[in-house]
Every structure is written in structure tokens, then in C-alpha cells.
Amino acid sequence: MPTKVVYSTSATATGGRDGHSKTHDGALDVNLAVPTEMGGPGGGVNPEQLFATGYAACFLGALKFYAGQKKVKVPDDAKVTVSVGIGPREDTGFGLDVKIKVDLPGVDKDVAEDLIAGGHKVCPYSHATSGTLSITPELA
């Protein structure tokens, strides 16, 4: 838990995976659709895409924050790709499979690995999934 909340938002979903989701301020307003791989029609956004998008942006922001503390310049063309899979768990329900690949063009391998590890330590998404998902970010 944060010691002080500096930003908060909310979203409301209706209809579940084949419905609609919207943030309270209307900045994000999407129709949801079950992917064809899960027996749905596809053609819309799904929760895994939203999670991957948010995690990728948050992770790159955290990596830049950590790099700033270390006085290291992150290249403007740095990229973070988060892949999110979903499937049944052995015990109950469903689980996620998350992989993170980081591309830091022109950054020395040792420095890049330190930035990735540091970003993972400060990223709120990484904190939120700690203990529930096994995620090891790696160089692309």
C-alpha cells in the first residue's frame, strides 16, 4: 500500500468480457469482446489487452524513474513489451501468464539489466502481482 495516494481513478464495466468499460472521466471508453481463442467473436478490447497496455507503460515509467535516480539516460526509442496470456489453473478458476521484454537500444547490457531489475522493483504493477505471478523481465 502506498503511504500517500497521489492519484486515483475508477472505471466501471458492464456486461463482463462482452460488455463495455469506461473510466469515470471518459478518457477511456471501450467495447469489450471475448477473443476468438476463448470462443468469442473477437473484434473488441479484452481485459488482458488492457492489463498488458497498462503494465507496459507503467514499467517503462518505473524504469525511467529508476534510471533518473542512477543518473542514466534512457534512450528515447526504449520499448517495453508486455505479453499477457490467460488460461485455466489446476486448482480453481483462471490464471495469467505475464512476460516482459525491454528494449534499450545503445545501452550497455550490464547497465540495461540493472535498469530492468530496478524498474521491476519500483513498478506498482510489479508490486501488485508479486507473490501471485512469476514475472522476470528480460532484455528483448
N, C-alpha and C. Protein backbone atom coordinates (compact mmCIF):
# COMPACT_ATOMS: atom_id res chain seq x y z
N MET A 1 0.84 -1.19 0.00
CA MET A 1 0.00 0.00 0.00
C MET A 1 0.88 1.25 0.00
N PRO A 2 0.47 2.26 -0.76
CA PRO A 2 1.24 3.50 -0.75
C PRO A 2 1.07 4.22 0.58
N THR A 3 2.07 4.99 0.94
CA THR A 3 1.96 5.78 2.17
C THR A 3 1.06 6.99 1.96
N LYS A 4 0.94 7.41 0.69
CA LYS A 4 0.08 8.55 0.35
C LYS A 4 -0.40 8.35 -1.08
N VAL A 5 -1.69 8.38 -1.31
CA VAL A 5 -2.25 8.27 -2.66
C VAL A 5 -2.16 9.65 -3.32
N VAL A 6 -1.44 9.72 -4.46
CA VAL A 6 -1.28 11.00 -5.15
C VAL A 6 -2.16 11.09 -6.40
N TYR A 7 -2.70 9.99 -6.85
CA TYR A 7 -3.63 9.97 -7.98
C TYR A 7 -4.53 8.77 -7.82
N SER A 8 -5.79 8.94 -8.18
CA SER A 8 -6.75 7.86 -8.11
C SER A 8 -7.70 7.98 -9.29
N THR A 9 -8.15 6.85 -9.80
CA THR A 9 -9.12 6.84 -10.89
C THR A 9 -10.07 5.68 -10.67
N SER A 10 -11.09 5.61 -11.47
CA SER A 10 -12.00 4.48 -11.38
C SER A 10 -12.61 4.22 -12.76
N ALA A 11 -13.04 2.98 -12.93
CA ALA A 11 -13.69 2.58 -14.17
C ALA A 11 -14.85 1.66 -13.82
N THR A 12 -15.84 1.66 -14.68
CA THR A 12 -17.00 0.80 -14.48
C THR A 12 -17.16 -0.08 -15.71
N ALA A 13 -17.36 -1.36 -15.47
CA ALA A 13 -17.61 -2.31 -16.56
C ALA A 13 -19.04 -2.82 -16.45
N THR A 14 -19.66 -3.01 -17.59
CA THR A 14 -20.98 -3.63 -17.65
C THR A 14 -20.90 -4.79 -18.65
N GLY A 15 -21.62 -5.83 -18.41
CA GLY A 15 -21.66 -6.94 -19.35
C GLY A 15 -20.50 -7.91 -19.29
N GLY A 16 -19.53 -7.67 -18.42
CA GLY A 16 -18.39 -8.58 -18.31
C GLY A 16 -17.47 -8.51 -19.51
N ARG A 17 -16.95 -9.67 -19.92
CA ARG A 17 -15.98 -9.73 -21.02
C ARG A 17 -16.58 -9.36 -22.37
N ASP A 18 -17.88 -9.36 -22.49
CA ASP A 18 -18.50 -8.98 -23.75
C ASP A 18 -19.43 -7.79 -23.53
N GLY A 19 -18.92 -6.80 -22.83
CA GLY A 19 -19.72 -5.63 -22.50
C GLY A 19 -19.03 -4.33 -22.85
N HIS A 20 -18.95 -3.47 -21.87
CA HIS A 20 -18.42 -2.13 -22.07
C HIS A 20 -17.69 -1.70 -20.80
N SER A 21 -16.64 -0.91 -20.97
CA SER A 21 -15.90 -0.39 -19.82
C SER A 21 -15.53 1.06 -20.09
N LYS A 22 -15.62 1.87 -19.03
CA LYS A 22 -15.38 3.30 -19.19
C LYS A 22 -14.81 3.87 -17.90
N THR A 23 -13.81 4.74 -18.04
CA THR A 23 -13.30 5.42 -16.86
C THR A 23 -14.26 6.53 -16.47
N HIS A 24 -14.19 6.91 -15.20
CA HIS A 24 -15.13 7.91 -14.68
C HIS A 24 -15.05 9.23 -15.44
N ASP A 25 -13.87 9.56 -15.97
CA ASP A 25 -13.72 10.83 -16.69
C ASP A 25 -13.94 10.71 -18.19
N GLY A 26 -14.21 9.49 -18.67
CA GLY A 26 -14.47 9.26 -20.08
C GLY A 26 -13.22 9.20 -20.96
N ALA A 27 -12.04 9.31 -20.37
CA ALA A 27 -10.80 9.28 -21.16
C ALA A 27 -10.61 7.93 -21.85
N LEU A 28 -11.09 6.88 -21.22
CA LEU A 28 -11.04 5.54 -21.81
C LEU A 28 -12.47 5.02 -21.85
N ASP A 29 -12.90 4.64 -23.03
CA ASP A 29 -14.29 4.21 -23.23
C ASP A 29 -14.26 3.13 -24.30
N VAL A 30 -14.35 1.86 -23.89
CA VAL A 30 -14.14 0.76 -24.83
C VAL A 30 -15.25 -0.28 -24.78
N ASN A 31 -15.53 -0.84 -25.96
CA ASN A 31 -16.38 -2.00 -26.04
C ASN A 31 -15.50 -3.22 -25.82
N LEU A 32 -15.99 -4.15 -25.04
CA LEU A 32 -15.23 -5.36 -24.72
C LEU A 32 -15.77 -6.53 -25.52
N ALA A 33 -14.87 -7.44 -25.88
CA ALA A 33 -15.28 -8.64 -26.61
C ALA A 33 -14.39 -9.81 -26.22
N VAL A 34 -15.00 -10.96 -26.07
CA VAL A 34 -14.26 -12.17 -25.78
C VAL A 34 -13.44 -12.53 -27.02
N PRO A 35 -12.12 -12.81 -26.85
CA PRO A 35 -11.29 -13.18 -28.00
C PRO A 35 -11.79 -14.47 -28.66
N THR A 36 -11.55 -14.59 -29.95
CA THR A 36 -11.97 -15.79 -30.68
C THR A 36 -11.33 -17.05 -30.08
N GLU A 37 -10.10 -16.91 -29.56
CA GLU A 37 -9.40 -18.05 -28.95
C GLU A 37 -10.12 -18.58 -27.71
N MET A 38 -10.99 -17.75 -27.15
CA MET A 38 -11.75 -18.14 -25.96
C MET A 38 -13.21 -18.40 -26.31
N GLY A 39 -13.50 -18.53 -27.61
CA GLY A 39 -14.85 -18.84 -28.03
C GLY A 39 -15.74 -17.65 -28.31
N GLY A 40 -15.16 -16.45 -28.28
CA GLY A 40 -15.96 -15.26 -28.53
C GLY A 40 -15.83 -14.76 -29.95
N PRO A 41 -16.48 -13.63 -30.21
CA PRO A 41 -16.47 -13.07 -31.56
C PRO A 41 -15.21 -12.27 -31.89
N GLY A 42 -14.43 -11.90 -30.86
CA GLY A 42 -13.29 -11.02 -31.09
C GLY A 42 -13.77 -9.65 -31.52
N GLY A 43 -12.86 -8.85 -32.05
CA GLY A 43 -13.24 -7.56 -32.60
C GLY A 43 -13.37 -6.44 -31.59
N GLY A 44 -13.06 -6.69 -30.35
CA GLY A 44 -13.11 -5.64 -29.33
C GLY A 44 -11.91 -5.77 -28.42
N VAL A 45 -11.87 -4.93 -27.44
CA VAL A 45 -10.79 -4.94 -26.46
C VAL A 45 -11.13 -5.97 -25.39
N ASN A 46 -10.09 -6.58 -24.81
CA ASN A 46 -10.33 -7.52 -23.72
C ASN A 46 -9.47 -7.14 -22.51
N PRO A 47 -9.79 -7.66 -21.33
CA PRO A 47 -9.06 -7.29 -20.12
C PRO A 47 -7.56 -7.57 -20.19
N GLU A 48 -7.16 -8.63 -20.90
CA GLU A 48 -5.74 -8.94 -20.99
C GLU A 48 -4.99 -7.87 -21.78
N GLN A 49 -5.62 -7.34 -22.83
CA GLN A 49 -5.01 -6.26 -23.60
C GLN A 49 -4.87 -5.00 -22.74
N LEU A 50 -5.90 -4.70 -21.98
CA LEU A 50 -5.84 -3.53 -21.11
C LEU A 50 -4.75 -3.68 -20.05
N PHE A 51 -4.63 -4.87 -19.47
CA PHE A 51 -3.60 -5.13 -18.47
C PHE A 51 -2.21 -5.00 -19.09
N ALA A 52 -2.01 -5.60 -20.27
CA ALA A 52 -0.71 -5.55 -20.95
C ALA A 52 -0.32 -4.11 -21.27
N THR A 53 -1.28 -3.34 -21.76
CA THR A 53 -1.02 -1.95 -22.11
C THR A 53 -0.62 -1.14 -20.88
N GLY A 54 -1.40 -1.28 -19.82
CA GLY A 54 -1.10 -0.55 -18.60
C GLY A 54 0.23 -0.94 -17.99
N TYR A 55 0.49 -2.24 -17.93
CA TYR A 55 1.74 -2.73 -17.34
C TYR A 55 2.94 -2.24 -18.14
N ALA A 56 2.87 -2.31 -19.47
CA ALA A 56 3.99 -1.87 -20.31
C ALA A 56 4.31 -0.39 -20.07
N ALA A 57 3.29 0.45 -20.06
CA ALA A 57 3.50 1.88 -19.85
C ALA A 57 4.03 2.15 -18.44
N CYS A 58 3.46 1.49 -17.46
CA CYS A 58 3.88 1.69 -16.08
C CYS A 58 5.32 1.22 -15.87
N PHE A 59 5.66 0.06 -16.46
CA PHE A 59 7.00 -0.48 -16.29
C PHE A 59 8.04 0.45 -16.90
N LEU A 60 7.77 0.97 -18.10
CA LEU A 60 8.73 1.88 -18.72
C LEU A 60 8.86 3.16 -17.88
N GLY A 61 7.76 3.64 -17.34
CA GLY A 61 7.83 4.81 -16.46
C GLY A 61 8.65 4.53 -15.21
N ALA A 62 8.47 3.35 -14.63
CA ALA A 62 9.23 2.97 -13.43
C ALA A 62 10.71 2.83 -13.76
N LEU A 63 11.01 2.25 -14.92
CA LEU A 63 12.40 2.09 -15.34
C LEU A 63 13.05 3.46 -15.53
N LYS A 64 12.32 4.40 -16.13
CA LYS A 64 12.85 5.76 -16.30
C LYS A 64 13.06 6.45 -14.95
N PHE A 65 12.15 6.24 -14.03
CA PHE A 65 12.30 6.80 -12.69
C PHE A 65 13.57 6.27 -12.04
N TYR A 66 13.76 4.95 -12.08
CA TYR A 66 14.94 4.32 -11.50
C TYR A 66 16.21 4.83 -12.20
N ALA A 67 16.17 4.92 -13.52
CA ALA A 67 17.33 5.40 -14.28
C ALA A 67 17.68 6.84 -13.87
N GLY A 68 16.67 7.66 -13.66
CA GLY A 68 16.89 9.04 -13.23
C GLY A 68 17.61 9.10 -11.89
N GLN A 69 17.24 8.20 -10.98
CA GLN A 69 17.92 8.15 -9.69
C GLN A 69 19.38 7.75 -9.85
N LYS A 70 19.67 6.93 -10.86
CA LYS A 70 21.03 6.46 -11.11
C LYS A 70 21.79 7.39 -12.06
N LYS A 71 21.12 8.47 -12.52
CA LYS A 71 21.70 9.43 -13.47
C LYS A 71 22.08 8.76 -14.80
N VAL A 72 21.20 7.85 -15.26
CA VAL A 72 21.40 7.16 -16.53
C VAL A 72 20.31 7.62 -17.49
N LYS A 73 20.70 7.95 -18.72
CA LYS A 73 19.74 8.38 -19.74
C LYS A 73 19.12 7.16 -20.42
N VAL A 74 17.80 7.10 -20.41
CA VAL A 74 17.07 6.06 -21.12
C VAL A 74 16.86 6.56 -22.54
N PRO A 75 17.20 5.75 -23.55
CA PRO A 75 17.03 6.22 -24.92
C PRO A 75 15.56 6.54 -25.24
N ASP A 76 15.35 7.53 -26.11
CA ASP A 76 14.01 7.94 -26.49
C ASP A 76 13.24 6.81 -27.16
N ASP A 77 13.95 5.88 -27.81
CA ASP A 77 13.28 4.78 -28.51
C ASP A 77 13.21 3.50 -27.68
N ALA A 78 13.37 3.63 -26.36
CA ALA A 78 13.22 2.47 -25.47
C ALA A 78 11.80 1.94 -25.57
N LYS A 79 11.67 0.62 -25.46
CA LYS A 79 10.34 -0.02 -25.55
C LYS A 79 10.21 -1.10 -24.49
N VAL A 80 9.00 -1.23 -23.97
CA VAL A 80 8.65 -2.34 -23.09
C VAL A 80 7.46 -3.04 -23.72
N THR A 81 7.60 -4.35 -23.91
CA THR A 81 6.51 -5.15 -24.45
C THR A 81 6.07 -6.13 -23.37
N VAL A 82 4.81 -6.07 -23.00
CA VAL A 82 4.25 -7.00 -22.02
C VAL A 82 3.29 -7.93 -22.75
N SER A 83 3.53 -9.22 -22.60
CA SER A 83 2.64 -10.23 -23.16
C SER A 83 1.84 -10.84 -22.03
N VAL A 84 0.53 -10.92 -22.20
CA VAL A 84 -0.35 -11.47 -21.17
C VAL A 84 -1.16 -12.61 -21.79
N GLY A 85 -1.05 -13.77 -21.18
CA GLY A 85 -1.86 -14.92 -21.57
C GLY A 85 -2.80 -15.29 -20.44
N ILE A 86 -3.88 -15.94 -20.78
CA ILE A 86 -4.84 -16.39 -19.78
C ILE A 86 -5.20 -17.84 -20.06
N GLY A 87 -5.40 -18.59 -19.00
CA GLY A 87 -5.80 -19.98 -19.15
C GLY A 87 -6.25 -20.55 -17.82
N PRO A 88 -6.81 -21.76 -17.86
CA PRO A 88 -7.28 -22.38 -16.62
C PRO A 88 -6.13 -22.75 -15.70
N ARG A 89 -6.38 -22.66 -14.41
CA ARG A 89 -5.43 -23.08 -13.38
C ARG A 89 -5.75 -24.51 -12.98
N GLU A 90 -4.78 -25.19 -12.41
CA GLU A 90 -5.01 -26.56 -11.95
C GLU A 90 -5.96 -26.60 -10.76
N ASP A 91 -5.86 -25.59 -9.88
CA ASP A 91 -6.68 -25.61 -8.67
C ASP A 91 -8.10 -25.08 -8.95
N THR A 92 -8.23 -23.79 -9.21
CA THR A 92 -9.55 -23.22 -9.49
C THR A 92 -9.42 -22.02 -10.42
N GLY A 93 -10.43 -21.79 -11.17
CA GLY A 93 -10.50 -20.57 -11.98
C GLY A 93 -9.47 -20.46 -13.07
N PHE A 94 -9.04 -19.22 -13.29
CA PHE A 94 -8.12 -18.90 -14.37
C PHE A 94 -6.90 -18.18 -13.81
N GLY A 95 -5.82 -18.22 -14.56
CA GLY A 95 -4.60 -17.55 -14.17
C GLY A 95 -3.99 -16.82 -15.35
N LEU A 96 -3.08 -15.91 -15.05
CA LEU A 96 -2.40 -15.14 -16.08
C LEU A 96 -0.96 -15.58 -16.22
N ASP A 97 -0.45 -15.48 -17.43
CA ASP A 97 0.95 -15.71 -17.73
C ASP A 97 1.47 -14.39 -18.30
N VAL A 98 2.44 -13.78 -17.61
CA VAL A 98 2.91 -12.46 -18.00
C VAL A 98 4.41 -12.50 -18.28
N LYS A 99 4.79 -11.93 -19.41
CA LYS A 99 6.20 -11.83 -19.78
C LYS A 99 6.50 -10.38 -20.15
N ILE A 100 7.68 -9.91 -19.74
CA ILE A 100 8.09 -8.54 -20.02
C ILE A 100 9.41 -8.57 -20.77
N LYS A 101 9.44 -7.89 -21.91
CA LYS A 101 10.67 -7.74 -22.69
C LYS A 101 10.96 -6.25 -22.81
N VAL A 102 12.22 -5.89 -22.54
CA VAL A 102 12.62 -4.49 -22.55
C VAL A 102 13.69 -4.28 -23.61
N ASP A 103 13.49 -3.28 -24.45
CA ASP A 103 14.44 -2.94 -25.50
C ASP A 103 15.03 -1.57 -25.16
N LEU A 104 16.33 -1.56 -24.88
CA LEU A 104 17.05 -0.32 -24.56
C LEU A 104 18.20 -0.16 -25.54
N PRO A 105 17.91 0.31 -26.76
CA PRO A 105 18.93 0.42 -27.80
C PRO A 105 20.11 1.29 -27.36
N GLY A 106 21.31 0.78 -27.58
CA GLY A 106 22.52 1.54 -27.29
C GLY A 106 22.96 1.52 -25.84
N VAL A 107 22.21 0.85 -24.97
CA VAL A 107 22.57 0.81 -23.55
C VAL A 107 23.37 -0.47 -23.31
N ASP A 108 24.51 -0.33 -22.63
CA ASP A 108 25.35 -1.47 -22.28
C ASP A 108 24.52 -2.54 -21.57
N LYS A 109 24.79 -3.80 -21.88
CA LYS A 109 24.00 -4.92 -21.34
C LYS A 109 23.92 -4.91 -19.81
N ASP A 110 25.04 -4.70 -19.14
CA ASP A 110 25.03 -4.69 -17.66
C ASP A 110 24.19 -3.55 -17.12
N VAL A 111 24.31 -2.37 -17.74
CA VAL A 111 23.52 -1.21 -17.31
C VAL A 111 22.04 -1.48 -17.58
N ALA A 112 21.74 -2.03 -18.76
CA ALA A 112 20.35 -2.32 -19.11
C ALA A 112 19.73 -3.31 -18.12
N GLU A 113 20.46 -4.36 -17.78
CA GLU A 113 19.94 -5.34 -16.83
C GLU A 113 19.69 -4.73 -15.46
N ASP A 114 20.57 -3.81 -15.04
CA ASP A 114 20.35 -3.12 -13.76
C ASP A 114 19.10 -2.24 -13.84
N LEU A 115 18.91 -1.52 -14.96
CA LEU A 115 17.73 -0.68 -15.11
C LEU A 115 16.45 -1.51 -15.10
N ILE A 116 16.48 -2.65 -15.76
CA ILE A 116 15.31 -3.53 -15.80
C ILE A 116 14.98 -4.04 -14.40
N ALA A 117 16.00 -4.51 -13.68
CA ALA A 117 15.77 -5.01 -12.31
C ALA A 117 15.27 -3.89 -11.41
N GLY A 118 15.86 -2.70 -11.53
CA GLY A 118 15.44 -1.56 -10.72
C GLY A 118 14.03 -1.12 -11.05
N GLY A 119 13.69 -1.11 -12.35
CA GLY A 119 12.33 -0.76 -12.75
C GLY A 119 11.32 -1.73 -12.19
N HIS A 120 11.68 -3.02 -12.20
CA HIS A 120 10.79 -4.06 -11.67
C HIS A 120 10.56 -3.87 -10.17
N LYS A 121 11.59 -3.40 -9.47
CA LYS A 121 11.47 -3.19 -8.02
C LYS A 121 10.57 -2.03 -7.67
N VAL A 122 10.51 -1.01 -8.53
CA VAL A 122 9.71 0.18 -8.19
C VAL A 122 8.36 0.24 -8.90
N CYS A 123 8.11 -0.63 -9.88
CA CYS A 123 6.87 -0.59 -10.66
C CYS A 123 5.67 -1.03 -9.82
N PRO A 124 4.62 -0.22 -9.74
CA PRO A 124 3.43 -0.59 -8.99
C PRO A 124 2.74 -1.86 -9.51
N TYR A 125 2.76 -2.09 -10.81
CA TYR A 125 2.17 -3.31 -11.37
C TYR A 125 2.97 -4.52 -10.89
N SER A 126 4.29 -4.39 -10.86
CA SER A 126 5.13 -5.48 -10.38
C SER A 126 4.84 -5.75 -8.91
N HIS A 127 4.64 -4.68 -8.13
CA HIS A 127 4.28 -4.86 -6.72
C HIS A 127 2.94 -5.58 -6.59
N ALA A 128 1.98 -5.16 -7.41
CA ALA A 128 0.62 -5.72 -7.32
C ALA A 128 0.58 -7.20 -7.68
N THR A 129 1.48 -7.64 -8.55
CA THR A 129 1.47 -9.04 -8.98
C THR A 129 2.47 -9.90 -8.21
N SER A 130 3.27 -9.29 -7.37
CA SER A 130 4.28 -10.02 -6.62
C SER A 130 3.62 -11.08 -5.73
N GLY A 131 4.13 -12.28 -5.80
CA GLY A 131 3.59 -13.37 -4.99
C GLY A 131 2.46 -14.11 -5.65
N THR A 132 1.90 -13.55 -6.72
CA THR A 132 0.80 -14.23 -7.41
C THR A 132 1.19 -14.64 -8.84
N LEU A 133 2.15 -13.91 -9.42
CA LEU A 133 2.63 -14.22 -10.76
C LEU A 133 4.15 -14.29 -10.74
N SER A 134 4.71 -15.17 -11.51
CA SER A 134 6.16 -15.26 -11.66
C SER A 134 6.55 -14.47 -12.89
N ILE A 135 7.13 -13.29 -12.67
CA ILE A 135 7.50 -12.41 -13.79
C ILE A 135 8.97 -12.07 -13.67
N THR A 136 9.73 -12.36 -14.72
CA THR A 136 11.14 -11.99 -14.78
C THR A 136 11.36 -11.17 -16.03
N PRO A 137 11.41 -9.84 -15.91
CA PRO A 137 11.65 -9.01 -17.08
C PRO A 137 13.01 -9.31 -17.69
N GLU A 138 13.10 -9.23 -19.01
CA GLU A 138 14.36 -9.53 -19.67
C GLU A 138 14.58 -8.60 -20.85
N LEU A 139 15.83 -8.52 -21.29
CA LEU A 139 16.18 -7.75 -22.47
C LEU A 139 15.54 -8.36 -23.70
N ALA A 140 15.08 -7.52 -24.59
CA ALA A 140 14.48 -8.01 -25.84
C ALA A 140 15.57 -8.47 -26.79
